[in-house]
C-alpha atoms as a PDB file:
ATOM      1  CA  MET A   1      34.696  -9.746 -32.009  1.00  0.00           C
ATOM      2  CA  THR A   2      36.015  -8.756 -28.557  1.00  0.00           C
ATOM      3  CA  ALA A   3      39.623  -8.984 -27.378  1.00  0.00           C
ATOM      4  CA  ARG A   4      38.801 -12.333 -25.740  1.00  0.00           C
ATOM      5  CA  GLY A   5      37.553 -13.795 -28.988  1.00  0.00           C
ATOM      6  CA  ARG A   6      33.864 -13.493 -28.102  1.00  0.00           C
ATOM      7  CA  HIS A   7      31.419 -12.060 -30.569  1.00  0.00           C
ATOM      8  CA  GLU A   8      29.424  -8.976 -29.705  1.00  0.00           C
ATOM      9  CA  PRO A   9      25.634  -9.196 -29.931  1.00  0.00           C
ATOM     10  CA  GLY A  10      24.464  -8.689 -33.494  1.00  0.00           C
ATOM     11  CA  THR A  11      27.669 -10.093 -35.036  1.00  0.00           C
ATOM     12  CA  THR A  12      28.187 -13.375 -36.770  1.00  0.00           C
ATOM     13  CA  SER A  13      29.557 -16.053 -34.498  1.00  0.00           C
ATOM     14  CA  GLY A  14      28.343 -19.237 -36.070  1.00  0.00           C
ATOM     15  CA  GLU A  15      25.664 -19.433 -33.365  1.00  0.00           C
ATOM     16  CA  ALA A  16      22.030 -18.798 -34.083  1.00  0.00           C
ATOM     17  CA  PRO A  17      21.120 -15.125 -33.528  1.00  0.00           C
ATOM     18  CA  HIS A  18      18.857 -16.312 -30.732  1.00  0.00           C
ATOM     19  CA  GLU A  19      21.907 -17.559 -28.794  1.00  0.00           C
ATOM     20  CA  GLU A  20      23.595 -14.171 -28.999  1.00  0.00           C
ATOM     21  CA  HIS A  21      20.556 -12.601 -27.335  1.00  0.00           C
ATOM     22  CA  ILE A  22      20.514 -15.343 -24.705  1.00  0.00           C
ATOM     23  CA  ASP A  23      24.155 -14.531 -23.913  1.00  0.00           C
ATOM     24  CA  VAL A  24      23.312 -10.837 -23.445  1.00  0.00           C
ATOM     25  CA  ILE A  25      20.295 -11.701 -21.267  1.00  0.00           C
ATOM     26  CA  GLU A  26      22.306 -14.159 -19.145  1.00  0.00           C
ATOM     27  CA  LEU A  27      24.978 -11.571 -18.363  1.00  0.00           C
ATOM     28  CA  ALA A  28      22.457  -8.762 -17.885  1.00  0.00           C
ATOM     29  CA  SER A  29      20.461 -10.892 -15.431  1.00  0.00           C
ATOM     30  CA  ALA A  30      23.600 -11.623 -13.384  1.00  0.00           C
ATOM     31  CA  VAL A  31      24.365  -7.892 -13.248  1.00  0.00           C
ATOM     32  CA  LEU A  32      20.704  -7.170 -12.415  1.00  0.00           C
ATOM     33  CA  VAL A  33      20.817  -9.511  -9.411  1.00  0.00           C
ATOM     34  CA  ARG A  34      24.002  -7.803  -8.236  1.00  0.00           C
ATOM     35  CA  ASN A  35      22.382  -4.395  -8.688  1.00  0.00           C
ATOM     36  CA  PHE A  36      19.299  -5.450  -6.730  1.00  0.00           C
ATOM     37  CA  GLU A  37      21.603  -6.574  -3.923  1.00  0.00           C
ATOM     38  CA  LEU A  38      23.430  -3.239  -4.108  1.00  0.00           C
ATOM     39  CA  LEU A  39      20.104  -1.401  -3.828  1.00  0.00           C
ATOM     40  CA  ARG A  40      19.179  -3.571  -0.850  1.00  0.00           C
ATOM     41  CA  ARG A  41      22.451  -2.858   0.961  1.00  0.00           C
ATOM     42  CA  ARG A  42      22.905   0.807   0.067  1.00  0.00           C
ATOM     43  CA  GLY A  43      19.529   2.077  -1.069  1.00  0.00           C
ATOM     44  CA  GLY A  44      17.706   2.023   2.246  1.00  0.00           C
ATOM     45  CA  VAL A  45      14.604   0.460   0.720  1.00  0.00           C
ATOM     46  CA  TYR A  46      14.508  -2.270   3.358  1.00  0.00           C
ATOM     47  CA  GLU A  47      15.094  -0.130   6.436  1.00  0.00           C
ATOM     48  CA  ASP A  48      12.101  -1.536   8.269  1.00  0.00           C
ATOM     49  CA  LEU A  49      11.291  -4.824   6.526  1.00  0.00           C
ATOM     50  CA  ASP A  50      13.503  -7.404   4.900  1.00  0.00           C
ATOM     51  CA  ARG A  51      12.659  -8.672   1.405  1.00  0.00           C
ATOM     52  CA  ALA A  52      10.733 -11.729   2.607  1.00  0.00           C
ATOM     53  CA  GLU A  53       8.665  -9.665   5.046  1.00  0.00           C
ATOM     54  CA  TYR A  54       7.949  -7.025   2.416  1.00  0.00           C
ATOM     55  CA  LEU A  55       6.914  -9.551  -0.220  1.00  0.00           C
ATOM     56  CA  LEU A  56       4.662 -11.487   2.178  1.00  0.00           C
ATOM     57  CA  LEU A  57       2.893  -8.272   3.201  1.00  0.00           C
ATOM     58  CA  ARG A  58       2.612  -7.151  -0.449  1.00  0.00           C
ATOM     59  CA  ILE A  59       1.090 -10.495  -1.401  1.00  0.00           C
ATOM     60  CA  LEU A  60      -1.428 -10.249   1.458  1.00  0.00           C
ATOM     61  CA  ASP A  61      -2.214  -6.727   0.293  1.00  0.00           C
ATOM     62  CA  ARG A  62      -2.847  -8.056  -3.218  1.00  0.00           C
ATOM     63  CA  ILE A  63      -4.787 -11.243  -2.453  1.00  0.00           C
ATOM     64  CA  GLY A  64      -6.334 -10.377   0.906  1.00  0.00           C
ATOM     65  CA  PRO A  65      -6.410 -12.553   4.028  1.00  0.00           C
ATOM     66  CA  ALA A  66      -5.239 -16.079   3.255  1.00  0.00           C
ATOM     67  CA  ASP A  67      -4.408 -19.400   4.827  1.00  0.00           C
ATOM     68  CA  ILE A  68      -0.809 -20.642   4.928  1.00  0.00           C
ATOM     69  CA  CYS A  69      -1.165 -22.905   1.875  1.00  0.00           C
ATOM     70  CA  THR A  70      -2.670 -20.149  -0.261  1.00  0.00           C
ATOM     71  CA  LEU A  71      -0.001 -17.716   0.913  1.00  0.00           C
ATOM     72  CA  ALA A  72       2.781 -20.250   0.257  1.00  0.00           C
ATOM     73  CA  LYS A  73       1.451 -20.845  -3.246  1.00  0.00           C
ATOM     74  CA  ALA A  74       1.305 -17.109  -3.996  1.00  0.00           C
ATOM     75  CA  LEU A  75       4.848 -16.625  -2.664  1.00  0.00           C
ATOM     76  CA  GLY A  76       6.271 -19.658  -4.454  1.00  0.00           C
ATOM     77  CA  VAL A  77       7.532 -21.266  -1.236  1.00  0.00           C
ATOM     78  CA  ASP A  78       6.569 -24.372   0.700  1.00  0.00           C
ATOM     79  CA  PRO A  79       3.998 -24.046   3.493  1.00  0.00           C
ATOM     80  CA  SER A  80       6.590 -24.565   6.250  1.00  0.00           C
ATOM     81  CA  THR A  81       8.624 -21.608   4.943  1.00  0.00           C
ATOM     82  CA  ALA A  82       5.499 -19.456   4.688  1.00  0.00           C
ATOM     83  CA  GLY A  83       4.573 -20.521   8.228  1.00  0.00           C
ATOM     84  CA  ARG A  84       7.969 -19.464   9.602  1.00  0.00           C
ATOM     85  CA  GLN A  85       7.736 -16.116   7.811  1.00  0.00           C
ATOM     86  CA  VAL A  86       4.229 -15.575   9.179  1.00  0.00           C
ATOM     87  CA  SER A  87       5.411 -16.458  12.712  1.00  0.00           C
ATOM     88  CA  THR A  88       8.209 -13.893  12.446  1.00  0.00           C
ATOM     89  CA  LEU A  89       5.815 -11.200  11.228  1.00  0.00           C
ATOM     90  CA  GLN A  90       3.288 -12.155  13.908  1.00  0.00           C
ATOM     91  CA  SER A  91       5.934 -11.810  16.642  1.00  0.00           C
ATOM     92  CA  LYS A  92       6.644  -8.314  15.296  1.00  0.00           C
ATOM     93  CA  GLY A  93       2.943  -7.422  15.323  1.00  0.00           C
ATOM     94  CA  MET A  94       2.654  -7.093  11.538  1.00  0.00           C
ATOM     95  CA  VAL A  95       0.221  -9.954  10.862  1.00  0.00           C
ATOM     96  CA  GLU A  96      -2.412 -11.732  12.871  1.00  0.00           C
ATOM     97  CA  ARG A  97      -3.887 -15.196  12.691  1.00  0.00           C
ATOM     98  CA  SER A  98      -7.555 -15.949  13.102  1.00  0.00           C
ATOM     99  CA  PRO A  99      -9.387 -19.258  12.756  1.00  0.00           C
ATOM    100  CA  SER A 100     -11.001 -19.964   9.411  1.00  0.00           C
ATOM    101  CA  GLU A 101     -14.781 -19.661   9.514  1.00  0.00           C
ATOM    102  CA  THR A 102     -15.132 -22.818   7.402  1.00  0.00           C
ATOM    103  CA  ASP A 103     -12.395 -24.975   8.969  1.00  0.00           C
ATOM    104  CA  ARG A 104     -11.222 -24.210  12.504  1.00  0.00           C
ATOM    105  CA  ARG A 105      -8.016 -26.216  11.903  1.00  0.00           C
ATOM    106  CA  ARG A 106      -6.817 -23.567   9.435  1.00  0.00           C
ATOM    107  CA  SER A 107      -5.593 -20.112  10.315  1.00  0.00           C
ATOM    108  CA  ILE A 108      -6.305 -17.086   8.185  1.00  0.00           C
ATOM    109  CA  ILE A 109      -3.419 -14.616   7.996  1.00  0.00           C
ATOM    110  CA  SER A 110      -4.186 -10.889   7.781  1.00  0.00           C
ATOM    111  CA  PRO A 111      -1.888  -7.886   7.967  1.00  0.00           C
ATOM    112  CA  THR A 112      -2.276  -5.628  10.970  1.00  0.00           C
ATOM    113  CA  ALA A 113      -2.547  -1.857  10.576  1.00  0.00           C
ATOM    114  CA  ASP A 114       1.139  -1.639  11.547  1.00  0.00           C
ATOM    115  CA  GLY A 115       2.046  -4.271   8.949  1.00  0.00           C
ATOM    116  CA  ARG A 116       0.103  -2.434   6.233  1.00  0.00           C
ATOM    117  CA  ASP A 117       1.697   0.896   7.228  1.00  0.00           C
ATOM    118  CA  ARG A 118       5.231  -0.525   7.221  1.00  0.00           C
ATOM    119  CA  MET A 119       4.653  -2.280   3.889  1.00  0.00           C
ATOM    120  CA  ALA A 120       3.261   0.938   2.390  1.00  0.00           C
ATOM    121  CA  ALA A 121       6.282   2.906   3.626  1.00  0.00           C
ATOM    122  CA  ALA A 122       8.698   0.324   2.184  1.00  0.00           C
ATOM    123  CA  ARG A 123       6.747   0.280  -1.069  1.00  0.00           C
ATOM    124  CA  GLU A 124       6.977   4.060  -1.352  1.00  0.00           C
ATOM    125  CA  ARG A 125      10.748   3.981  -0.678  1.00  0.00           C
ATOM    126  CA  ARG A 126      11.147   1.321  -3.362  1.00  0.00           C
ATOM    127  CA  ARG A 127       8.981   3.272  -5.810  1.00  0.00           C
ATOM    128  CA  ALA A 128      10.898   6.500  -5.107  1.00  0.00           C
ATOM    129  CA  THR A 129      14.217   4.759  -5.741  1.00  0.00           C
ATOM    130  CA  THR A 130      12.910   3.200  -8.949  1.00  0.00           C
ATOM    131  CA  ARG A 131      11.409   6.524 -10.039  1.00  0.00           C
ATOM    132  CA  GLU A 132      14.756   8.267  -9.442  1.00  0.00           C
ATOM    133  CA  LEU A 133      16.785   5.605 -11.267  1.00  0.00           C
ATOM    134  CA  LEU A 134      14.478   5.664 -14.287  1.00  0.00           C
ATOM    135  CA  ALA A 135      13.684   9.394 -14.317  1.00  0.00           C
ATOM    136  CA  ASP A 136      15.033   9.917 -17.828  1.00  0.00           C
ATOM    137  CA  TRP A 137      13.199   6.942 -19.352  1.00  0.00           C
ATOM    138  CA  ASP A 138      10.168   7.656 -21.491  1.00  0.00           C
ATOM    139  CA  GLU A 139       6.757   6.133 -20.804  1.00  0.00           C
ATOM    140  CA  GLN A 140       7.064   3.486 -23.522  1.00  0.00           C
ATOM    141  CA  ASP A 141      10.431   2.285 -22.146  1.00  0.00           C
ATOM    142  CA  LEU A 142       8.959   2.054 -18.634  1.00  0.00           C
ATOM    143  CA  ARG A 143       5.975   0.096 -19.932  1.00  0.00           C
ATOM    144  CA  THR A 144       8.250  -2.225 -21.915  1.00  0.00           C
ATOM    145  CA  LEU A 145      10.508  -2.882 -18.922  1.00  0.00           C
ATOM    146  CA  GLY A 146       7.500  -3.610 -16.716  1.00  0.00           C
ATOM    147  CA  ASP A 147       6.025  -5.923 -19.339  1.00  0.00           C
ATOM    148  CA  MET A 148       9.328  -7.765 -19.813  1.00  0.00           C
ATOM    149  CA  PHE A 149       9.897  -8.199 -16.044  1.00  0.00           C
ATOM    150  CA  THR A 150       6.343  -9.514 -15.690  1.00  0.00           C
ATOM    151  CA  ARG A 151       6.788 -11.895 -18.598  1.00  0.00           C
ATOM    152  CA  TYR A 152      10.170 -13.114 -17.319  1.00  0.00           C
ATOM    153  CA  ASN A 153       8.772 -13.667 -13.814  1.00  0.00           C
ATOM    154  CA  ARG A 154       5.833 -15.585 -15.266  1.00  0.00           C
ATOM    155  CA  SER A 155       8.243 -17.824 -17.216  1.00  0.00           C
ATOM    156  CA  VAL A 156      10.238 -18.533 -14.055  1.00  0.00           C
ATOM    157  CA  ALA A 157       7.042 -19.293 -12.123  1.00  0.00           C
ATOM    158  CA  GLU A 158       5.769 -21.605 -14.864  1.00  0.00           C
ATOM    159  CA  ARG A 159       9.083 -23.450 -14.972  1.00  0.00           C
ATOM    160  CA  PHE A 160       9.923 -23.707 -11.280  1.00  0.00           C
ATOM    161  CA  LEU A 161       6.797 -22.968  -9.267  1.00  0.00           C
ATOM    162  CA  THR A 162       4.146 -25.089 -10.931  1.00  0.00           C
ATOM    163  CA  ALA A 163       2.632 -28.204  -9.389  1.00  0.00           C
ATOM    164  CA  ASP A 164       4.608 -30.313 -11.876  1.00  0.00           C
ATOM    165  CA  ALA A 165       7.968 -28.732 -10.969  1.00  0.00           C
ATOM    166  CA  SER A 166       7.606 -28.420  -7.210  1.00  0.00           C
ATOM    167  CA  PRO A 167       5.128 -28.831  -4.370  1.00  0.00           C
ATOM    168  CA  THR A 168       4.148 -25.148  -4.595  1.00  0.00           C
ATOM    169  CA  ALA A 169       3.119 -22.697  -7.237  1.00  0.00           C
ATOM    170  CA  GLY A 170       3.389 -18.931  -7.468  1.00  0.00           C
ATOM    171  CA  ASP A 171       2.756 -15.825  -9.436  1.00  0.00           C
ATOM    172  CA  ALA A 172       4.402 -13.272  -7.158  1.00  0.00           C
ATOM    173  CA  GLU A 173       5.404  -9.929  -8.605  1.00  0.00           C
ATOM    174  CA  ALA A 174       9.089  -9.090  -8.524  1.00  0.00           C
ATOM    175  CA  GLU A 175      10.319  -5.714  -7.597  1.00  0.00           C
ATOM    176  CA  PRO A 176      13.764  -4.351  -7.171  1.00  0.00           C
END
């Protein structure tokens, strides 16, 4: 038991063991969010692109050219938010819109060469930072962390980004 009367993980507290793990995960996730913010502010990984711009370009890189609704679904945002993000990136010359070949009312969003280059540079900065932070981790630990992040993100998407929970759906990858 701690000085504040709380039980440490793995001790008997009258709660189910599952709840002790949930308590550890809840606190660790709060610290993780703070650490991601610290990396954003001090790590220089978003020198050229903010998080929303980076993620939109990464999603386009993963799924290819897409209309606003498809992009919104992949990002887990509503189409109006995706449209505003696309407009911002278009004004910066990082994406372009072209009419859909099957429906001229829809626009297809594609990254420009500059958008791909800037996304690739941001991705490499992020990977370098992650590589440096986890340099002393063995391969199995890295695989486990990646698997757990992916599984956690999938659970969040299933809970909050499905058609039943909101007007959009998503399966976007999370990265620090």
